[in-house]
Amino acid sequence: MKTIDELIQDGVEGKRIFVRADLNVPLAGTTITDDGRIRAVAPTIAKLAAAGAKVIVASHLGRPKGAPDPQFSLAPAAARLGEILGKQVSFATDTVGDSAKATVAALANGEVTLLENLRFNAGETSKDDAERGAFADALASLADLYVGDGFGAVHRKHASVFDLPARLPHAAGDLIATEVGVLKKLTEDVARPYVVVLGGAKVSDKLGVIDNLLEKADRILIGGGMSYTFLKAKGHEVGISLLQEDQIPVCLEYLARAEKRGVEFVLPVDVLVSADFPDLKTKAAANPELVASDAIPADKEGLDIGPKTRELYASKLADAGTVFWNGPMGVFEHPDYANGTKAVAQALLDCDGFTVVGGGDSAAAVRILGFDENAFGHISTGGGASLEYLEGKTLPGLAALED
């Protein structure tokens, strides 16, 4: 992949550079609740602007249905990006229409604009090559060069991620270069012991990465909603906890493979349960009950790992040479069920090895729970992209940047 430093060395002053960023940030109304992805791509944008480029930033936000939807507007992201860069960021109210054309035409050297949500155009996510290609053609007409730096979207075969780089001279932004470098450290010449911590709601979301990492990891620690399918596979009662019955045979297969290969496959030994899901808005006391993981009452739901499991997982992380963590251990948004996720985050901080927080809810949890982001080896901006890379899949957005 060509780097933006090489692009700048070739000369970018006065050139219109299309930067595919990932500004898919969580919003409460028009308020950004976690600006981590904006901060992550800002250095690439600043570097290009400082070199005299006319920078056109584009991204998606949420899942609009291929048409404008005010609740998914990127206007708040334009304002926040401007604050981070310390300069005004103009905003086009469409993607390739009159506003986009006029806003781009008005750019002076070193200025930055942000286009409206790419997914307001059906061509961005279309499975039809011609429709997607037509949108990519329209985007290409706005720019002279392309920089891919939206790591959180590189696993999508979308117009701005996959088709557009084929239409313009292209390079990888600094964020993507960093993310790929980290993922290589997780797959090539890994410092051992290699410990993988997986949580989140659905075991089906993680089957591919478990399948691949069973050949690479030394230990796999499971928490969150996905753990209850594994516990059920071992014959335990899981009450009304999250459960994917159809995945039990696969879980049994993975447990058997782990034992055969000598991979420690660690499940919770105790959990916090409740008959009612907690109120995440008011954060009202939930009064959780602590039970052994093989003794969950039939009318209760597991919502976090318990104190013995926290200690167990911390001990399994203490001597790790490399750690990859993706997915919270429980309903971390509520204080009564945040301690499992806090314990894993703290164990990563206490570990002397290379620690990677694999994006998504894990990255959000680190920030929401007040941890110092800089204390971790790396916090990824793309949970889904990281997982697919670790599954061994080819990511369309990365393939498109290779020459």
Protein backbone atom coordinates (compact mmCIF):
# COMPACT_ATOMS: atom_id res chain seq x y z
CA MET A 1 0.00 0.00 0.00
CA LYS A 2 1.18 3.49 -0.81
CA THR A 3 1.30 5.75 2.25
CA ILE A 4 0.12 9.33 2.49
CA ASP A 5 3.70 10.37 3.22
CA GLU A 6 4.60 9.07 -0.23
CA LEU A 7 1.57 10.86 -1.65
CA ILE A 8 2.66 14.12 -0.03
CA GLN A 9 6.21 13.62 -1.25
CA ASP A 10 4.84 13.43 -4.80
CA GLY A 11 3.09 16.76 -4.20
CA VAL A 12 -0.50 17.36 -3.12
CA GLU A 13 -0.70 21.16 -2.97
CA GLY A 14 -3.87 22.28 -4.70
CA LYS A 15 -4.99 18.69 -5.28
CA ARG A 16 -8.49 17.61 -4.25
CA ILE A 17 -8.05 14.59 -1.98
CA PHE A 18 -11.02 12.40 -1.11
CA VAL A 19 -10.52 10.94 2.38
CA ARG A 20 -12.80 8.02 3.18
CA ALA A 21 -13.01 8.28 6.96
CA ASP A 22 -15.11 6.43 9.50
CA LEU A 23 -17.08 9.02 11.42
CA ASN A 24 -19.79 6.56 12.42
CA VAL A 25 -20.05 7.93 15.95
CA PRO A 26 -22.83 7.34 18.49
CA LEU A 27 -25.30 10.18 18.82
CA ALA A 28 -27.84 11.21 21.43
CA GLY A 29 -29.98 13.47 19.28
CA THR A 30 -27.36 15.75 17.76
CA THR A 31 -24.84 15.25 20.57
CA ILE A 32 -21.84 13.00 19.91
CA THR A 33 -21.39 10.71 22.90
CA ASP A 34 -18.05 9.18 21.83
CA ASP A 35 -15.80 11.07 19.39
CA GLY A 36 -13.04 8.45 19.35
CA ARG A 37 -13.34 7.72 15.63
CA ILE A 38 -13.20 11.41 14.73
CA ARG A 39 -10.10 11.93 16.84
CA ALA A 40 -8.49 8.84 15.29
CA VAL A 41 -8.70 10.09 11.68
CA ALA A 42 -8.05 13.78 12.42
CA PRO A 43 -4.22 13.49 12.15
CA THR A 44 -4.45 12.19 8.58
CA ILE A 45 -6.78 15.03 7.60
CA ALA A 46 -4.56 17.60 9.33
CA LYS A 47 -1.43 16.25 7.62
CA LEU A 48 -2.99 16.51 4.16
CA ALA A 49 -4.37 19.99 4.83
CA ALA A 50 -0.98 21.16 6.11
CA ALA A 51 0.55 19.97 2.83
CA GLY A 52 -1.79 22.28 0.93
CA ALA A 53 -4.36 19.75 -0.23
CA LYS A 54 -8.05 20.49 -0.62
CA VAL A 55 -9.45 17.80 1.66
CA ILE A 56 -12.85 16.23 0.99
CA VAL A 57 -13.86 14.00 3.91
CA ALA A 58 -16.62 11.41 3.49
CA SER A 59 -18.17 8.81 5.77
CA HIS A 60 -21.30 6.88 6.60
CA LEU A 61 -23.30 7.15 9.81
CA GLY A 62 -25.76 4.51 10.97
CA ARG A 63 -27.98 2.57 8.60
CA PRO A 64 -30.24 4.95 6.66
CA LYS A 65 -32.21 3.30 3.87
CA GLY A 66 -30.39 4.84 0.90
CA ALA A 67 -32.16 8.20 1.24
CA PRO A 68 -31.68 11.35 3.36
CA ASP A 69 -32.71 10.91 7.00
CA PRO A 70 -32.06 13.84 9.39
CA GLN A 71 -31.34 11.59 12.38
CA PHE A 72 -28.27 10.24 10.53
CA SER A 73 -26.86 13.57 9.36
CA LEU A 74 -23.10 14.05 9.65
CA ALA A 75 -23.50 17.74 10.51
CA PRO A 76 -22.53 17.17 14.19
CA ALA A 77 -19.41 15.32 13.03
CA ALA A 78 -18.41 18.28 10.82
CA ALA A 79 -18.64 20.61 13.81
CA ARG A 80 -16.64 18.26 16.07
CA LEU A 81 -14.00 17.63 13.41
CA GLY A 82 -13.55 21.38 13.07
CA GLU A 83 -13.04 21.70 16.83
CA ILE A 84 -10.42 18.94 16.82
CA LEU A 85 -8.58 20.36 13.80
CA GLY A 86 -8.82 23.91 15.12
CA LYS A 87 -10.19 25.16 11.81
CA GLN A 88 -13.54 25.48 10.11
CA VAL A 89 -14.81 22.41 8.31
CA SER A 90 -17.43 23.28 5.71
CA PHE A 91 -20.35 20.89 5.25
CA ALA A 92 -22.05 19.77 2.07
CA THR A 93 -25.72 18.90 2.58
CA ASP A 94 -25.61 16.12 -0.03
CA THR A 95 -23.11 13.57 -1.34
CA VAL A 96 -22.64 14.26 -5.06
CA GLY A 97 -25.31 16.89 -5.74
CA ASP A 98 -25.22 20.65 -6.13
CA SER A 99 -24.15 21.31 -2.54
CA ALA A 100 -21.23 18.85 -2.73
CA LYS A 101 -20.06 20.26 -6.06
CA ALA A 102 -20.28 23.87 -4.89
CA THR A 103 -18.64 23.19 -1.52
CA VAL A 104 -15.74 21.33 -3.11
CA ALA A 105 -15.32 24.01 -5.79
CA ALA A 106 -15.05 26.66 -3.07
CA LEU A 107 -12.20 24.92 -1.23
CA ALA A 108 -8.92 26.77 -1.01
CA ASN A 109 -5.60 24.99 -0.45
CA GLY A 110 -5.43 23.58 3.06
CA GLU A 111 -9.18 23.72 3.64
CA VAL A 112 -11.42 20.83 4.66
CA THR A 113 -15.02 19.93 3.87
CA LEU A 114 -17.24 17.03 4.91
CA LEU A 115 -19.86 15.52 2.63
CA GLU A 116 -23.23 14.42 3.95
CA ASN A 117 -23.76 10.76 4.91
CA LEU A 118 -22.71 8.54 2.00
CA ARG A 119 -25.46 6.07 2.81
CA PHE A 120 -28.06 8.71 1.90
CA ASN A 121 -27.30 7.49 -1.64
CA ALA A 122 -28.46 3.93 -2.38
CA GLY A 123 -25.44 3.40 -4.63
CA GLU A 124 -23.08 3.38 -1.64
CA THR A 125 -24.22 0.02 -0.28
CA SER A 126 -25.83 -1.49 -3.39
CA LYS A 127 -25.05 -5.11 -4.20
CA ASP A 128 -25.47 -4.22 -7.89
CA ASP A 129 -22.02 -3.50 -9.33
CA ALA A 130 -23.37 -1.03 -11.90
CA GLU A 131 -25.34 1.02 -9.36
CA ARG A 132 -22.43 1.06 -6.95
CA GLY A 133 -20.03 1.93 -9.77
CA ALA A 134 -22.18 4.84 -10.94
CA PHE A 135 -22.06 6.35 -7.45
CA ALA A 136 -18.29 5.79 -7.33
CA ASP A 137 -17.98 7.60 -10.68
CA ALA A 138 -19.87 10.58 -9.28
CA LEU A 139 -17.68 10.65 -6.16
CA ALA A 140 -14.53 10.35 -8.29
CA SER A 141 -15.52 13.45 -10.27
CA LEU A 142 -15.11 15.50 -7.09
CA ALA A 143 -11.47 14.56 -6.48
CA ASP A 144 -8.00 14.02 -7.91
CA LEU A 145 -6.67 11.52 -5.35
CA TYR A 146 -8.09 9.03 -2.86
CA VAL A 147 -6.97 8.25 0.68
CA GLY A 148 -8.57 5.32 2.49
CA ASP A 149 -8.56 5.86 6.23
CA GLY A 150 -11.95 4.51 7.37
CA PHE A 151 -10.75 1.28 8.96
CA GLY A 152 -14.15 0.59 10.51
CA ALA A 153 -15.61 0.20 6.99
CA VAL A 154 -12.88 -1.71 5.14
CA HIS A 155 -14.74 -5.01 5.50
CA ARG A 156 -17.62 -3.58 3.43
CA LYS A 157 -17.74 -3.83 -0.37
CA HIS A 158 -19.20 -0.34 -0.67
CA ALA A 159 -18.76 2.26 -3.38
CA SER A 160 -16.59 4.68 -1.40
CA VAL A 161 -14.53 1.86 0.12
CA PHE A 162 -14.05 -0.62 -2.71
CA ASP A 163 -15.01 0.93 -6.08
CA LEU A 164 -13.73 4.48 -5.70
CA PRO A 165 -10.03 3.62 -5.13
CA ALA A 166 -10.02 1.86 -8.52
CA ARG A 167 -10.98 5.15 -10.14
CA LEU A 168 -8.36 7.42 -8.57
CA PRO A 169 -4.66 7.27 -7.61
CA HIS A 170 -4.83 6.06 -4.02
CA ALA A 171 -3.00 5.60 -0.75
CA ALA A 172 -3.66 4.31 2.76
CA GLY A 173 -4.07 6.86 5.52
CA ASP A 174 -2.06 6.77 8.73
CA LEU A 175 -4.93 5.24 10.72
CA ILE A 176 -5.32 2.29 8.37
CA ALA A 177 -1.55 1.80 8.27
CA THR A 178 -1.51 1.66 12.08
CA GLU A 179 -4.50 -0.69 12.29
CA VAL A 180 -3.02 -3.11 9.74
CA GLY A 181 0.32 -3.05 11.54
CA VAL A 182 -1.39 -3.97 14.80
CA LEU A 183 -3.37 -6.79 13.20
CA LYS A 184 -0.18 -8.23 11.74
CA LYS A 185 1.25 -8.30 15.27
CA LEU A 186 -1.79 -10.38 16.24
CA THR A 187 -1.34 -12.86 13.41
CA GLU A 188 2.37 -12.99 12.56
CA ASP A 189 5.21 -13.72 15.01
CA VAL A 190 2.97 -13.25 18.05
CA ALA A 191 4.50 -12.73 21.50
CA ARG A 192 3.24 -15.51 23.78
CA PRO A 193 1.23 -16.42 25.74
CA TYR A 194 -1.40 -15.14 23.30
CA VAL A 195 -4.67 -14.54 25.15
CA VAL A 196 -7.95 -13.71 23.41
CA VAL A 197 -10.89 -12.30 25.38
CA LEU A 198 -14.26 -12.40 23.63
CA GLY A 199 -17.57 -11.06 24.86
CA GLY A 200 -20.65 -9.39 23.50
CA ALA A 201 -24.14 -10.62 22.90
CA LYS A 202 -24.11 -13.28 20.18
CA VAL A 203 -21.79 -16.26 19.90
CA SER A 204 -22.62 -16.39 16.17
CA ASP A 205 -20.84 -13.04 15.68
CA LYS A 206 -17.60 -14.55 16.96
CA LEU A 207 -17.63 -18.09 15.53
CA GLY A 208 -15.32 -17.27 12.64
CA VAL A 209 -12.70 -15.62 14.83
CA ILE A 210 -12.85 -18.45 17.40
CA ASP A 211 -12.46 -20.99 14.61
CA ASN A 212 -9.32 -19.26 13.32
CA LEU A 213 -7.81 -18.33 16.68
CA LEU A 214 -8.13 -21.88 18.01
CA GLU A 215 -5.11 -22.49 15.76
CA LYS A 216 -3.18 -19.48 17.07
CA ALA A 217 -4.15 -18.55 20.64
CA ASP A 218 -2.91 -20.10 23.88
CA ARG A 219 -5.97 -19.10 25.90
CA ILE A 220 -9.47 -17.97 25.00
CA LEU A 221 -11.59 -16.32 27.69
CA ILE A 222 -15.33 -16.01 27.06
CA GLY A 223 -17.76 -13.58 28.68
CA GLY A 224 -20.85 -11.54 27.90
CA GLY A 225 -24.07 -12.85 26.43
CA MET A 226 -22.22 -15.28 24.17
CA SER A 227 -20.92 -17.23 27.17
CA TYR A 228 -24.34 -18.64 27.99
CA THR A 229 -24.50 -20.67 24.79
CA PHE A 230 -21.17 -22.26 25.75
CA LEU A 231 -22.43 -22.89 29.29
CA LYS A 232 -25.58 -24.48 27.88
CA ALA A 233 -23.39 -26.63 25.61
CA LYS A 234 -21.70 -27.94 28.75
CA GLY A 235 -25.08 -28.96 30.11
CA HIS A 236 -25.70 -26.06 32.51
CA GLU A 237 -29.02 -24.31 33.13
CA VAL A 238 -28.80 -20.72 31.83
CA GLY A 239 -32.30 -19.49 32.74
CA ILE A 240 -33.55 -16.69 30.49
CA SER A 241 -30.02 -15.60 29.55
CA LEU A 242 -29.13 -14.83 25.95
CA LEU A 243 -28.95 -18.16 24.15
CA GLN A 244 -28.46 -19.33 20.59
CA GLU A 245 -29.66 -22.92 20.69
CA ASP A 246 -28.70 -23.54 17.06
CA GLN A 247 -25.05 -22.77 17.86
CA ILE A 248 -24.69 -25.34 20.65
CA PRO A 249 -23.23 -28.04 18.33
CA VAL A 250 -20.58 -25.60 17.08
CA CYS A 251 -19.74 -24.58 20.65
CA LEU A 252 -19.29 -28.25 21.58
CA GLU A 253 -17.00 -28.72 18.59
CA TYR A 254 -14.88 -25.74 19.57
CA LEU A 255 -14.60 -26.90 23.18
CA ALA A 256 -13.42 -30.31 21.95
CA ARG A 257 -10.93 -28.77 19.52
CA ALA A 258 -9.53 -26.52 22.24
CA GLU A 259 -8.97 -29.49 24.53
CA LYS A 260 -7.33 -31.48 21.74
CA ARG A 261 -5.00 -28.62 20.80
CA GLY A 262 -4.14 -27.70 24.38
CA VAL A 263 -5.79 -24.29 24.16
CA GLU A 264 -7.19 -23.11 27.48
CA PHE A 265 -10.87 -22.32 26.85
CA VAL A 266 -12.10 -20.48 29.93
CA LEU A 267 -15.76 -19.86 30.77
CA PRO A 268 -17.29 -17.92 33.68
CA VAL A 269 -17.43 -19.71 37.03
CA ASP A 270 -19.89 -17.25 38.58
CA VAL A 271 -22.31 -14.66 37.19
CA LEU A 272 -24.56 -11.82 38.27
CA VAL A 273 -28.19 -12.52 37.43
CA SER A 274 -31.55 -10.79 37.64
CA ALA A 275 -35.15 -11.47 36.66
CA ASP A 276 -35.32 -8.02 35.06
CA PHE A 277 -33.06 -6.28 32.57
CA PRO A 278 -31.67 -3.07 34.13
CA ASP A 279 -32.92 0.40 33.20
CA LEU A 280 -30.03 1.89 31.25
CA LYS A 281 -31.55 5.38 31.17
CA THR A 282 -32.14 5.99 34.86
CA LYS A 283 -29.37 3.61 36.04
CA ALA A 284 -31.70 2.67 38.91
CA ALA A 285 -30.37 0.02 41.29
CA ALA A 286 -30.84 -3.42 39.78
CA ASN A 287 -30.13 -5.59 42.85
CA PRO A 288 -28.26 -8.38 41.07
CA GLU A 289 -27.91 -11.84 42.56
CA LEU A 290 -24.58 -13.69 42.51
CA VAL A 291 -24.74 -17.36 41.53
CA ALA A 292 -22.39 -20.05 40.28
CA SER A 293 -22.37 -20.31 36.50
CA ASP A 294 -23.74 -23.87 36.71
CA ALA A 295 -26.58 -22.80 39.01
CA ILE A 296 -28.40 -20.00 37.19
CA PRO A 297 -32.06 -19.97 38.27
CA ALA A 298 -34.54 -20.84 35.52
CA ASP A 299 -36.25 -17.42 35.81
CA LYS A 300 -33.07 -15.30 35.90
CA GLU A 301 -30.82 -13.79 33.23
CA GLY A 302 -27.03 -13.59 33.40
CA LEU A 303 -25.89 -9.98 32.99
CA ASP A 304 -22.23 -9.91 34.06
CA ILE A 305 -19.39 -12.13 35.19
CA GLY A 306 -18.97 -12.49 38.93
CA PRO A 307 -16.02 -11.69 41.25
CA LYS A 308 -14.44 -15.17 41.07
CA THR A 309 -14.51 -15.01 37.27
CA ARG A 310 -12.98 -11.53 37.35
CA GLU A 311 -10.11 -12.85 39.46
CA LEU A 312 -9.75 -15.91 37.24
CA TYR A 313 -9.62 -13.87 34.05
CA ALA A 314 -7.15 -11.39 35.55
CA SER A 315 -4.87 -14.31 36.45
CA LYS A 316 -5.11 -15.67 32.89
CA LEU A 317 -4.12 -12.27 31.52
CA ALA A 318 -1.32 -11.46 33.97
CA ASP A 319 1.53 -13.14 32.07
CA ALA A 320 0.23 -12.56 28.53
CA GLY A 321 2.65 -11.51 25.82
CA THR A 322 -0.21 -10.49 23.53
CA VAL A 323 -3.89 -9.80 24.30
CA PHE A 324 -6.78 -9.20 21.92
CA TRP A 325 -10.07 -8.19 23.54
CA ASN A 326 -13.36 -7.77 21.70
CA GLY A 327 -16.70 -7.53 23.47
CA PRO A 328 -17.82 -6.51 26.98
CA MET A 329 -18.28 -9.01 29.78
CA GLY A 330 -21.77 -7.80 30.66
CA VAL A 331 -24.20 -4.88 30.48
CA PHE A 332 -21.41 -2.40 31.18
CA GLU A 333 -23.71 0.58 30.56
CA HIS A 334 -25.27 -0.05 33.99
CA PRO A 335 -23.07 0.37 37.09
CA ASP A 336 -24.35 -2.84 38.71
CA TYR A 337 -23.13 -4.87 35.72
CA ALA A 338 -20.00 -2.97 34.71
CA ASN A 339 -17.48 -4.59 37.04
CA GLY A 340 -16.69 -7.55 34.77
CA THR A 341 -15.79 -5.30 31.85
CA LYS A 342 -13.87 -2.99 34.21
CA ALA A 343 -11.89 -5.96 35.54
CA VAL A 344 -10.87 -7.09 32.07
CA ALA A 345 -9.85 -3.56 31.08
CA GLN A 346 -7.80 -3.20 34.27
CA ALA A 347 -6.17 -6.60 33.70
CA LEU A 348 -5.05 -5.40 30.27
CA LEU A 349 -3.56 -2.29 31.85
CA ASP A 350 -1.75 -4.40 34.46
CA CYS A 351 -0.37 -6.73 31.78
CA ASP A 352 3.14 -6.05 30.44
CA GLY A 353 2.31 -7.57 27.05
CA PHE A 354 0.98 -5.96 23.87
CA THR A 355 -2.72 -5.23 24.47
CA VAL A 356 -5.31 -4.54 21.77
CA VAL A 357 -8.89 -3.43 22.40
CA GLY A 358 -10.75 -4.57 19.30
CA GLY A 359 -13.08 -1.67 18.64
CA GLY A 360 -16.89 -1.60 18.88
CA ASP A 361 -18.43 -1.86 22.34
CA SER A 362 -15.07 -2.70 23.92
CA ALA A 363 -13.57 0.61 22.80
CA ALA A 364 -16.70 2.44 23.90
CA ALA A 365 -16.59 0.72 27.28
CA VAL A 366 -12.98 1.75 27.87
CA ARG A 367 -13.90 5.39 27.33
CA ILE A 368 -17.25 5.29 29.15
CA LEU A 369 -15.72 3.59 32.18
CA GLY A 370 -13.03 6.26 32.42
CA PHE A 371 -9.86 4.39 31.47
CA ASP A 372 -6.87 6.16 29.94
CA GLU A 373 -6.96 5.20 26.27
CA ASN A 374 -3.24 5.81 25.89
CA ALA A 375 -2.44 3.16 28.49
CA PHE A 376 -3.48 0.36 26.13
CA GLY A 377 -1.25 -0.88 23.35
CA HIS A 378 -3.90 -0.05 20.77
CA ILE A 379 -7.63 0.70 20.65
CA SER A 380 -9.03 -0.23 17.26
CA THR A 381 -11.60 1.91 15.45
CA GLY A 382 -13.14 -1.11 13.74
CA GLY A 383 -14.55 -4.04 15.69
CA GLY A 384 -16.10 -5.83 12.72
CA ALA A 385 -13.11 -5.19 10.49
CA SER A 386 -10.69 -6.43 13.15
CA LEU A 387 -12.68 -9.62 13.66
CA GLU A 388 -12.90 -10.37 9.95
CA TYR A 389 -9.16 -9.82 9.55
CA LEU A 390 -8.50 -12.22 12.43
CA GLU A 391 -10.85 -14.71 10.79
CA GLY A 392 -8.45 -14.69 7.83
CA LYS A 393 -10.88 -13.00 5.45
CA THR A 394 -9.85 -10.64 2.65
CA LEU A 395 -11.16 -7.16 3.46
CA PRO A 396 -12.40 -5.38 0.31
CA GLY A 397 -11.29 -1.93 1.44
CA LEU A 398 -7.74 -3.08 2.13
CA ALA A 399 -7.52 -5.07 -1.09
CA ALA A 400 -8.61 -1.96 -3.02
CA LEU A 401 -5.70 0.05 -1.59
CA GLU A 402 -3.07 -2.48 -2.67
CA ASP A 403 -1.25 -1.90 -5.95
